[in-house]
């Protein structure tokens, strides 16, 4: 009988230990707990830490609320019907205080049901408004548009800190070659315009220079004419009415013409 009692006490201790162990739950940091009793989800999300639960009939499932990152690829049509192959990253957080509702309404596969379909719709809408070549040059503007649309449309009961970024935007080889050829043609056209502008400016400078020289020559000519007239006027003013005396050369005497008196 004593052995039976000992065995019974040991078994009872084991049962108590099992029950005691089953009465506690632990939720790790970065997670929130979802408590289910006989399959029914309690309408509370449990913060990280240790807590009590009904043994055997209640389970606590941990829901990851750390920053989630998606790295995916998809294809969308641009406004000019080019196929843009997109590589992107999306990061977000699940709101811990509402994970019980998210679990009840959507489930653990919420990403494939709530995030990806919405993101694909937003990408089709945003990319479809850009011309293919402009999209490459304005990738950051397109990124901002995607972010704004996502934040406006996503269910903010469950998600926060939405951030979208393009890793790469790719097109078919033929289209990329056509873009390269177009860029080269535009560069050559711009060079031609620049050369034409340079030649025109040089011609205008020469014309301005020639005009300036002609004007300068005209000014000099007028100045000489004015100076000559001034010299003649001053000579007349100083003339005493006598004709000049001429030296005929050799031994000839100086001859003075009569002054008419």
C-alpha atoms as a PDB file:
ATOM      1  CA  UNK A   1       0.000   0.000   0.000  1.00  0.00           C
ATOM      2  CA  UNK A   2       2.855   2.339   0.790  1.00  0.00           C
ATOM      3  CA  UNK A   3       4.295   1.855  -2.701  1.00  0.00           C
ATOM      4  CA  UNK A   4       0.903   2.548  -4.232  1.00  0.00           C
ATOM      5  CA  UNK A   5       0.645   5.771  -2.240  1.00  0.00           C
ATOM      6  CA  UNK A   6       4.094   6.849  -3.376  1.00  0.00           C
ATOM      7  CA  UNK A   7       3.283   6.097  -6.977  1.00  0.00           C
ATOM      8  CA  UNK A   8      -0.011   7.947  -6.646  1.00  0.00           C
ATOM      9  CA  UNK A   9       1.674  10.976  -5.118  1.00  0.00           C
ATOM     10  CA  UNK A  10       4.228  10.997  -7.926  1.00  0.00           C
ATOM     11  CA  UNK A  11       1.557  10.735 -10.584  1.00  0.00           C
ATOM     12  CA  UNK A  12      -0.439  13.493  -8.929  1.00  0.00           C
ATOM     13  CA  UNK A  13       2.668  15.683  -8.839  1.00  0.00           C
ATOM     14  CA  UNK A  14       3.264  15.054 -12.521  1.00  0.00           C
ATOM     15  CA  UNK A  15      -0.335  15.895 -13.366  1.00  0.00           C
ATOM     16  CA  UNK A  16      -0.184  19.069 -11.281  1.00  0.00           C
ATOM     17  CA  UNK A  17       3.062  20.061 -12.984  1.00  0.00           C
ATOM     18  CA  UNK A  18       1.553  19.432 -16.413  1.00  0.00           C
ATOM     19  CA  UNK A  19      -1.561  21.397 -15.553  1.00  0.00           C
ATOM     20  CA  UNK A  20       0.500  24.213 -14.069  1.00  0.00           C
ATOM     21  CA  UNK A  21       2.750  24.297 -17.138  1.00  0.00           C
ATOM     22  CA  UNK A  22      -0.282  24.282 -19.443  1.00  0.00           C
ATOM     23  CA  UNK A  23      -1.793  27.201 -17.536  1.00  0.00           C
ATOM     24  CA  UNK A  24       0.894  29.666 -18.656  1.00  0.00           C
ATOM     25  CA  UNK A  25       1.712  31.164 -22.037  1.00  0.00           C
ATOM     26  CA  UNK A  26       4.614  33.300 -23.263  1.00  0.00           C
ATOM     27  CA  UNK A  27       4.530  35.844 -26.114  1.00  0.00           C
ATOM     28  CA  UNK A  28       7.976  36.850 -27.381  1.00  0.00           C
ATOM     29  CA  UNK A  29       9.070  40.435 -28.049  1.00  0.00           C
ATOM     30  CA  UNK A  30       7.949  41.650 -31.467  1.00  0.00           C
ATOM     31  CA  UNK A  31       4.857  39.448 -31.415  1.00  0.00           C
ATOM     32  CA  UNK A  32       1.296  39.749 -30.125  1.00  0.00           C
ATOM     33  CA  UNK A  33      -0.744  36.826 -28.835  1.00  0.00           C
ATOM     34  CA  UNK A  34      -4.073  35.537 -30.113  1.00  0.00           C
ATOM     35  CA  UNK A  35      -5.934  33.471 -27.500  1.00  0.00           C
ATOM     36  CA  UNK A  36      -8.339  30.796 -28.672  1.00  0.00           C
ATOM     37  CA  UNK A  37     -10.583  28.788 -26.357  1.00  0.00           C
ATOM     38  CA  UNK A  38     -12.105  25.720 -27.988  1.00  0.00           C
ATOM     39  CA  UNK A  39     -11.517  27.374 -31.361  1.00  0.00           C
ATOM     40  CA  UNK A  40     -13.108  30.712 -30.462  1.00  0.00           C
ATOM     41  CA  UNK A  41     -10.865  33.779 -30.762  1.00  0.00           C
ATOM     42  CA  UNK A  42     -10.967  36.130 -27.812  1.00  0.00           C
ATOM     43  CA  UNK A  43     -11.509  39.765 -28.785  1.00  0.00           C
ATOM     44  CA  UNK A  44      -8.242  40.925 -27.285  1.00  0.00           C
ATOM     45  CA  UNK A  45      -4.665  40.969 -28.528  1.00  0.00           C
ATOM     46  CA  UNK A  46      -2.089  40.043 -25.908  1.00  0.00           C
ATOM     47  CA  UNK A  47       1.128  42.015 -25.610  1.00  0.00           C
ATOM     48  CA  UNK A  48       4.548  40.351 -25.303  1.00  0.00           C
ATOM     49  CA  UNK A  49       5.162  38.703 -21.943  1.00  0.00           C
ATOM     50  CA  UNK A  50       3.885  35.852 -19.782  1.00  0.00           C
ATOM     51  CA  UNK A  51       0.243  35.228 -18.837  1.00  0.00           C
ATOM     52  CA  UNK A  52      -2.336  32.709 -17.683  1.00  0.00           C
ATOM     53  CA  UNK A  53      -4.730  30.644 -19.770  1.00  0.00           C
ATOM     54  CA  UNK A  54      -7.110  27.766 -19.258  1.00  0.00           C
ATOM     55  CA  UNK A  55      -5.084  24.571 -19.583  1.00  0.00           C
ATOM     56  CA  UNK A  56      -5.690  22.198 -22.467  1.00  0.00           C
ATOM     57  CA  UNK A  57      -8.699  24.039 -23.894  1.00  0.00           C
ATOM     58  CA  UNK A  58      -7.044  27.408 -24.544  1.00  0.00           C
ATOM     59  CA  UNK A  59      -4.119  28.040 -26.907  1.00  0.00           C
ATOM     60  CA  UNK A  60      -2.189  31.236 -27.595  1.00  0.00           C
ATOM     61  CA  UNK A  61      -0.842  31.764 -31.101  1.00  0.00           C
ATOM     62  CA  UNK A  62       1.912  34.326 -31.687  1.00  0.00           C
ATOM     63  CA  UNK A  63       1.405  36.870 -34.466  1.00  0.00           C
ATOM     64  CA  UNK A  64       4.547  38.485 -35.913  1.00  0.00           C
ATOM     65  CA  UNK A  65       4.314  42.302 -35.624  1.00  0.00           C
ATOM     66  CA  UNK A  66       7.901  43.094 -36.521  1.00  0.00           C
ATOM     67  CA  UNK A  67       8.624  45.060 -39.713  1.00  0.00           C
ATOM     68  CA  UNK A  68       7.624  42.883 -42.644  1.00  0.00           C
ATOM     69  CA  UNK A  69       9.468  43.078 -45.960  1.00  0.00           C
ATOM     70  CA  UNK A  70       8.286  41.903 -49.357  1.00  0.00           C
ATOM     71  CA  UNK A  71      10.632  41.694 -52.348  1.00  0.00           C
ATOM     72  CA  UNK A  72       8.611  40.814 -55.422  1.00  0.00           C
ATOM     73  CA  UNK A  73       8.457  41.122 -59.205  1.00  0.00           C
ATOM     74  CA  UNK A  74       5.479  41.987 -61.377  1.00  0.00           C
ATOM     75  CA  UNK A  75       4.697  43.353 -64.828  1.00  0.00           C
ATOM     76  CA  UNK A  76       2.509  46.347 -65.734  1.00  0.00           C
ATOM     77  CA  UNK A  77       1.599  48.228 -68.896  1.00  0.00           C
ATOM     78  CA  UNK A  78       2.675  51.845 -69.293  1.00  0.00           C
ATOM     79  CA  UNK A  79       0.524  54.540 -70.901  1.00  0.00           C
ATOM     80  CA  UNK A  80       2.150  53.792 -74.296  1.00  0.00           C
ATOM     81  CA  UNK A  81       1.455  50.053 -73.869  1.00  0.00           C
ATOM     82  CA  UNK A  82       5.015  49.000 -73.102  1.00  0.00           C
ATOM     83  CA  UNK A  83       5.475  46.149 -70.635  1.00  0.00           C
ATOM     84  CA  UNK A  84       7.389  47.337 -67.572  1.00  0.00           C
ATOM     85  CA  UNK A  85       9.026  44.581 -65.549  1.00  0.00           C
ATOM     86  CA  UNK A  86       9.096  45.865 -61.965  1.00  0.00           C
ATOM     87  CA  UNK A  87      11.231  44.720 -59.059  1.00  0.00           C
ATOM     88  CA  UNK A  88      10.265  46.311 -55.761  1.00  0.00           C
ATOM     89  CA  UNK A  89      10.443  46.219 -51.974  1.00  0.00           C
ATOM     90  CA  UNK A  90       7.516  46.841 -49.652  1.00  0.00           C
ATOM     91  CA  UNK A  91       7.872  47.176 -45.883  1.00  0.00           C
ATOM     92  CA  UNK A  92       5.087  47.554 -43.340  1.00  0.00           C
ATOM     93  CA  UNK A  93       4.057  46.760 -39.776  1.00  0.00           C
ATOM     94  CA  UNK A  94       1.011  44.949 -38.447  1.00  0.00           C
ATOM     95  CA  UNK A  95      -0.735  46.819 -35.624  1.00  0.00           C
ATOM     96  CA  UNK A  96      -0.344  44.512 -32.628  1.00  0.00           C
ATOM     97  CA  UNK A  97      -3.436  45.677 -30.769  1.00  0.00           C
ATOM     98  CA  UNK A  98      -5.672  44.532 -33.639  1.00  0.00           C
ATOM     99  CA  UNK A  99      -4.145  41.196 -34.613  1.00  0.00           C
ATOM    100  CA  UNK A 100      -7.068  39.267 -33.108  1.00  0.00           C
ATOM    101  CA  UNK A 101      -9.424  40.995 -35.567  1.00  0.00           C
ATOM    102  CA  UNK A 102      -7.056  40.500 -38.491  1.00  0.00           C
ATOM    103  CA  UNK A 103      -6.757  36.824 -37.570  1.00  0.00           C
ATOM    104  CA  UNK A 104     -10.540  36.405 -37.278  1.00  0.00           C
ATOM    105  CA  UNK A 105     -11.407  38.244 -40.499  1.00  0.00           C
ATOM    106  CA  UNK A 106      -8.501  37.272 -42.748  1.00  0.00           C
ATOM    107  CA  UNK A 107      -6.200  34.700 -41.162  1.00  0.00           C
ATOM    108  CA  UNK A 108      -2.469  34.256 -40.976  1.00  0.00           C
ATOM    109  CA  UNK A 109      -2.125  34.457 -44.783  1.00  0.00           C
ATOM    110  CA  UNK A 110      -3.260  38.095 -44.724  1.00  0.00           C
ATOM    111  CA  UNK A 111      -0.358  39.168 -46.958  1.00  0.00           C
ATOM    112  CA  UNK A 112      -1.553  37.200 -49.980  1.00  0.00           C
ATOM    113  CA  UNK A 113      -5.163  38.274 -49.346  1.00  0.00           C
ATOM    114  CA  UNK A 114      -4.878  41.911 -48.243  1.00  0.00           C
ATOM    115  CA  UNK A 115      -1.475  43.295 -49.263  1.00  0.00           C
ATOM    116  CA  UNK A 116      -0.440  41.840 -52.615  1.00  0.00           C
ATOM    117  CA  UNK A 117      -3.773  42.261 -54.488  1.00  0.00           C
ATOM    118  CA  UNK A 118      -4.053  45.884 -53.362  1.00  0.00           C
ATOM    119  CA  UNK A 119      -0.446  46.617 -54.297  1.00  0.00           C
ATOM    120  CA  UNK A 120      -0.886  45.096 -57.761  1.00  0.00           C
ATOM    121  CA  UNK A 121      -3.954  47.265 -58.373  1.00  0.00           C
ATOM    122  CA  UNK A 122      -2.099  50.395 -57.264  1.00  0.00           C
ATOM    123  CA  UNK A 123       0.900  49.579 -59.452  1.00  0.00           C
ATOM    124  CA  UNK A 124      -1.288  49.033 -62.517  1.00  0.00           C
ATOM    125  CA  UNK A 125      -3.036  52.335 -61.890  1.00  0.00           C
ATOM    126  CA  UNK A 126       0.136  54.376 -61.284  1.00  0.00           C
ATOM    127  CA  UNK A 127       2.348  52.800 -63.958  1.00  0.00           C
ATOM    128  CA  UNK A 128      -0.473  53.040 -66.483  1.00  0.00           C
ATOM    129  CA  UNK A 129      -0.331  56.839 -66.268  1.00  0.00           C
ATOM    130  CA  UNK A 130       3.339  57.114 -67.257  1.00  0.00           C
ATOM    131  CA  UNK A 131       4.983  56.910 -70.661  1.00  0.00           C
ATOM    132  CA  UNK A 132       7.665  54.214 -70.577  1.00  0.00           C
ATOM    133  CA  UNK A 133      10.635  56.530 -71.104  1.00  0.00           C
ATOM    134  CA  UNK A 134       9.303  59.115 -68.656  1.00  0.00           C
ATOM    135  CA  UNK A 135       8.775  56.436 -66.004  1.00  0.00           C
ATOM    136  CA  UNK A 136      12.491  55.615 -65.949  1.00  0.00           C
ATOM    137  CA  UNK A 137      13.441  59.274 -65.610  1.00  0.00           C
ATOM    138  CA  UNK A 138      10.761  59.923 -62.961  1.00  0.00           C
ATOM    139  CA  UNK A 139      11.023  56.758 -60.920  1.00  0.00           C
ATOM    140  CA  UNK A 140      11.035  58.588 -57.604  1.00  0.00           C
ATOM    141  CA  UNK A 141       7.867  60.498 -58.495  1.00  0.00           C
ATOM    142  CA  UNK A 142       6.179  57.202 -59.385  1.00  0.00           C
ATOM    143  CA  UNK A 143       7.382  55.727 -56.078  1.00  0.00           C
ATOM    144  CA  UNK A 144       5.786  58.612 -54.163  1.00  0.00           C
ATOM    145  CA  UNK A 145       2.525  58.092 -56.058  1.00  0.00           C
ATOM    146  CA  UNK A 146       2.492  54.377 -55.206  1.00  0.00           C
ATOM    147  CA  UNK A 147       3.177  55.106 -51.537  1.00  0.00           C
ATOM    148  CA  UNK A 148       0.429  57.715 -51.325  1.00  0.00           C
ATOM    149  CA  UNK A 149      -2.102  55.439 -53.025  1.00  0.00           C
ATOM    150  CA  UNK A 150      -1.212  52.484 -50.815  1.00  0.00           C
ATOM    151  CA  UNK A 151      -1.493  54.489 -47.603  1.00  0.00           C
ATOM    152  CA  UNK A 152      -4.847  55.857 -48.699  1.00  0.00           C
ATOM    153  CA  UNK A 153      -6.350  52.502 -49.693  1.00  0.00           C
ATOM    154  CA  UNK A 154      -4.853  50.001 -47.266  1.00  0.00           C
ATOM    155  CA  UNK A 155      -6.868  48.927 -44.214  1.00  0.00           C
ATOM    156  CA  UNK A 156      -5.315  51.130 -41.530  1.00  0.00           C
ATOM    157  CA  UNK A 157      -6.964  49.095 -38.785  1.00  0.00           C
ATOM    158  CA  UNK A 158      -4.289  46.495 -39.368  1.00  0.00           C
ATOM    159  CA  UNK A 159      -1.304  48.024 -41.148  1.00  0.00           C
ATOM    160  CA  UNK A 160       1.018  51.012 -40.677  1.00  0.00           C
ATOM    161  CA  UNK A 161       4.455  52.359 -41.681  1.00  0.00           C
ATOM    162  CA  UNK A 162       3.888  51.526 -45.349  1.00  0.00           C
ATOM    163  CA  UNK A 163       6.955  52.148 -47.516  1.00  0.00           C
ATOM    164  CA  UNK A 164       7.333  51.157 -51.170  1.00  0.00           C
ATOM    165  CA  UNK A 165      10.486  51.416 -53.307  1.00  0.00           C
ATOM    166  CA  UNK A 166      11.461  50.350 -56.832  1.00  0.00           C
ATOM    167  CA  UNK A 167      14.554  48.181 -57.168  1.00  0.00           C
ATOM    168  CA  UNK A 168      14.488  48.082 -60.947  1.00  0.00           C
ATOM    169  CA  UNK A 169      12.316  48.942 -63.935  1.00  0.00           C
ATOM    170  CA  UNK A 170      13.091  46.940 -67.039  1.00  0.00           C
ATOM    171  CA  UNK A 171      11.736  46.803 -70.598  1.00  0.00           C
ATOM    172  CA  UNK A 172      12.224  44.550 -73.610  1.00  0.00           C
ATOM    173  CA  UNK A 173      15.589  44.694 -75.384  1.00  0.00           C
ATOM    174  CA  UNK A 174      14.015  46.125 -78.542  1.00  0.00           C
ATOM    175  CA  UNK A 175      12.368  48.945 -76.631  1.00  0.00           C
ATOM    176  CA  UNK A 176      15.548  49.783 -74.741  1.00  0.00           C
ATOM    177  CA  UNK A 177      17.448  49.913 -78.043  1.00  0.00           C
ATOM    178  CA  UNK A 178      14.820  52.244 -79.476  1.00  0.00           C
ATOM    179  CA  UNK A 179      15.127  54.500 -76.417  1.00  0.00           C
ATOM    180  CA  UNK A 180      18.911  54.550 -76.794  1.00  0.00           C
ATOM    181  CA  UNK A 181      18.607  55.415 -80.502  1.00  0.00           C
ATOM    182  CA  UNK A 182      16.118  58.159 -79.694  1.00  0.00           C
ATOM    183  CA  UNK A 183      18.398  59.624 -77.037  1.00  0.00           C
ATOM    184  CA  UNK A 184      21.340  59.613 -79.461  1.00  0.00           C
ATOM    185  CA  UNK A 185      19.207  61.266 -82.155  1.00  0.00           C
ATOM    186  CA  UNK A 186      18.041  63.918 -79.695  1.00  0.00           C
ATOM    187  CA  UNK A 187      21.621  64.584 -78.644  1.00  0.00           C
ATOM    188  CA  UNK A 188      22.726  64.980 -82.251  1.00  0.00           C
ATOM    189  CA  UNK A 189      19.773  67.249 -82.978  1.00  0.00           C
ATOM    190  CA  UNK A 190      20.666  69.350 -79.960  1.00  0.00           C
ATOM    191  CA  UNK A 191      24.276  69.526 -81.140  1.00  0.00           C
ATOM    192  CA  UNK A 192      23.059  70.741 -84.528  1.00  0.00           C
ATOM    193  CA  UNK A 193      20.874  73.363 -82.855  1.00  0.00           C
ATOM    194  CA  UNK A 194      23.804  74.460 -80.719  1.00  0.00           C
ATOM    195  CA  UNK A 195      26.063  74.695 -83.768  1.00  0.00           C
ATOM    196  CA  UNK A 196      23.440  76.689 -85.655  1.00  0.00           C
ATOM    197  CA  UNK A 197      23.035  79.000 -82.683  1.00  0.00           C
ATOM    198  CA  UNK A 198      26.812  79.376 -82.380  1.00  0.00           C
ATOM    199  CA  UNK A 199      27.211  80.186 -86.092  1.00  0.00           C
ATOM    200  CA  UNK A 200      24.364  82.662 -85.905  1.00  0.00           C
ATOM    201  CA  UNK A 201      25.842  84.318 -82.848  1.00  0.00           C
ATOM    202  CA  UNK A 202      29.271  84.539 -84.512  1.00  0.00           C
ATOM    203  CA  UNK A 203      27.700  86.071 -87.616  1.00  0.00           C
ATOM    204  CA  UNK A 204      25.812  88.555 -85.476  1.00  0.00           C
ATOM    205  CA  UNK A 205      29.012  89.445 -83.636  1.00  0.00           C
ATOM    206  CA  UNK A 206      30.805  90.017 -86.946  1.00  0.00           C
ATOM    207  CA  UNK A 207      27.915  92.154 -88.181  1.00  0.00           C
ATOM    208  CA  UNK A 208      27.948  94.150 -84.979  1.00  0.00           C
ATOM    209  CA  UNK A 209      31.721  94.553 -85.235  1.00  0.00           C
ATOM    210  CA  UNK A 210      31.540  95.657 -88.891  1.00  0.00           C
ATOM    211  CA  UNK A 211      28.738  98.060 -88.093  1.00  0.00           C
ATOM    212  CA  UNK A 212      30.763  99.478 -85.233  1.00  0.00           C
ATOM    213  CA  UNK A 213      33.795  99.919 -87.495  1.00  0.00           C
ATOM    214  CA  UNK A 214      31.681 101.631 -90.157  1.00  0.00           C
ATOM    215  CA  UNK A 215      30.159 103.940 -87.582  1.00  0.00           C
ATOM    216  CA  UNK A 216      33.615 104.687 -86.192  1.00  0.00           C
ATOM    217  CA  UNK A 217      34.914 105.468 -89.703  1.00  0.00           C
ATOM    218  CA  UNK A 218      31.936 107.726 -90.360  1.00  0.00           C
ATOM    219  CA  UNK A 219      32.569 109.543 -87.102  1.00  0.00           C
ATOM    220  CA  UNK A 220      36.250 109.976 -88.008  1.00  0.00           C
ATOM    221  CA  UNK A 221      35.325 111.260 -91.481  1.00  0.00           C
ATOM    222  CA  UNK A 222      32.868 113.770 -90.047  1.00  0.00           C
ATOM    223  CA  UNK A 223      35.463 114.854 -87.514  1.00  0.00           C
ATOM    224  CA  UNK A 224      38.076 115.414 -90.235  1.00  0.00           C
ATOM    225  CA  UNK A 225      35.606 117.347 -92.347  1.00  0.00           C
ATOM    226  CA  UNK A 226      34.623 119.462 -89.398  1.00  0.00           C
ATOM    227  CA  UNK A 227      38.282 120.065 -88.513  1.00  0.00           C
ATOM    228  CA  UNK A 228      39.160 121.063 -92.111  1.00  0.00           C
ATOM    229  CA  UNK A 229      36.310 123.493 -92.263  1.00  0.00           C
ATOM    230  CA  UNK A 230      37.370 124.920 -88.915  1.00  0.00           C
ATOM    231  CA  UNK A 231      40.950 125.344 -90.123  1.00  0.00           C
ATOM    232  CA  UNK A 232      39.776 127.121 -93.269  1.00  0.00           C
ATOM    233  CA  UNK A 233      37.484 129.354 -91.261  1.00  0.00           C
ATOM    234  CA  UNK A 234      40.253 130.332 -88.869  1.00  0.00           C
ATOM    235  CA  UNK A 235      42.593 131.044 -91.800  1.00  0.00           C
ATOM    236  CA  UNK A 236      40.027 133.340 -93.362  1.00  0.00           C
ATOM    237  CA  UNK A 237      39.523 135.122 -90.065  1.00  0.00           C
ATOM    238  CA  UNK A 238      43.272 135.732 -89.765  1.00  0.00           C
ATOM    239  CA  UNK A 239      43.830 136.787 -93.450  1.00  0.00           C
ATOM    240  CA  UNK A 240      44.801 140.464 -93.762  1.00  0.00           C
ATOM    241  CA  UNK A 241      43.699 140.727 -97.370  1.00  0.00           C
ATOM    242  CA  UNK A 242      47.211 140.446 -98.789  1.00  0.00           C
ATOM    243  CA  UNK A 243      48.094 137.732-101.221  1.00  0.00           C
ATOM    244  CA  UNK A 244      50.962 135.546-100.229  1.00  0.00           C
ATOM    245  CA  UNK A 245      54.465 136.272-101.446  1.00  0.00           C
ATOM    246  CA  UNK A 246      55.965 133.563-103.629  1.00  0.00           C
ATOM    247  CA  UNK A 247      59.653 132.750-103.995  1.00  0.00           C
ATOM    248  CA  UNK A 248      60.206 131.935-107.703  1.00  0.00           C
ATOM    249  CA  UNK A 249      63.507 130.242-106.963  1.00  0.00           C
ATOM    250  CA  UNK A 250      67.080 130.973-108.027  1.00  0.00           C
ATOM    251  CA  UNK A 251      68.274 134.585-107.855  1.00  0.00           C
ATOM    252  CA  UNK A 252      64.925 136.012-108.710  1.00  0.00           C
ATOM    253  CA  UNK A 253      63.799 138.687-106.255  1.00  0.00           C
ATOM    254  CA  UNK A 254      60.733 138.381-104.145  1.00  0.00           C
ATOM    255  CA  UNK A 255      57.664 139.636-106.026  1.00  0.00           C
ATOM    256  CA  UNK A 256      54.720 141.099-104.252  1.00  0.00           C
ATOM    257  CA  UNK A 257      51.544 141.487-106.219  1.00  0.00           C
ATOM    258  CA  UNK A 258      49.592 144.675-105.839  1.00  0.00           C
ATOM    259  CA  UNK A 259      46.813 144.600-103.351  1.00  0.00           C
ATOM    260  CA  UNK A 260      44.400 146.336-105.636  1.00  0.00           C
ATOM    261  CA  UNK A 261      44.689 149.726-104.046  1.00  0.00           C
END
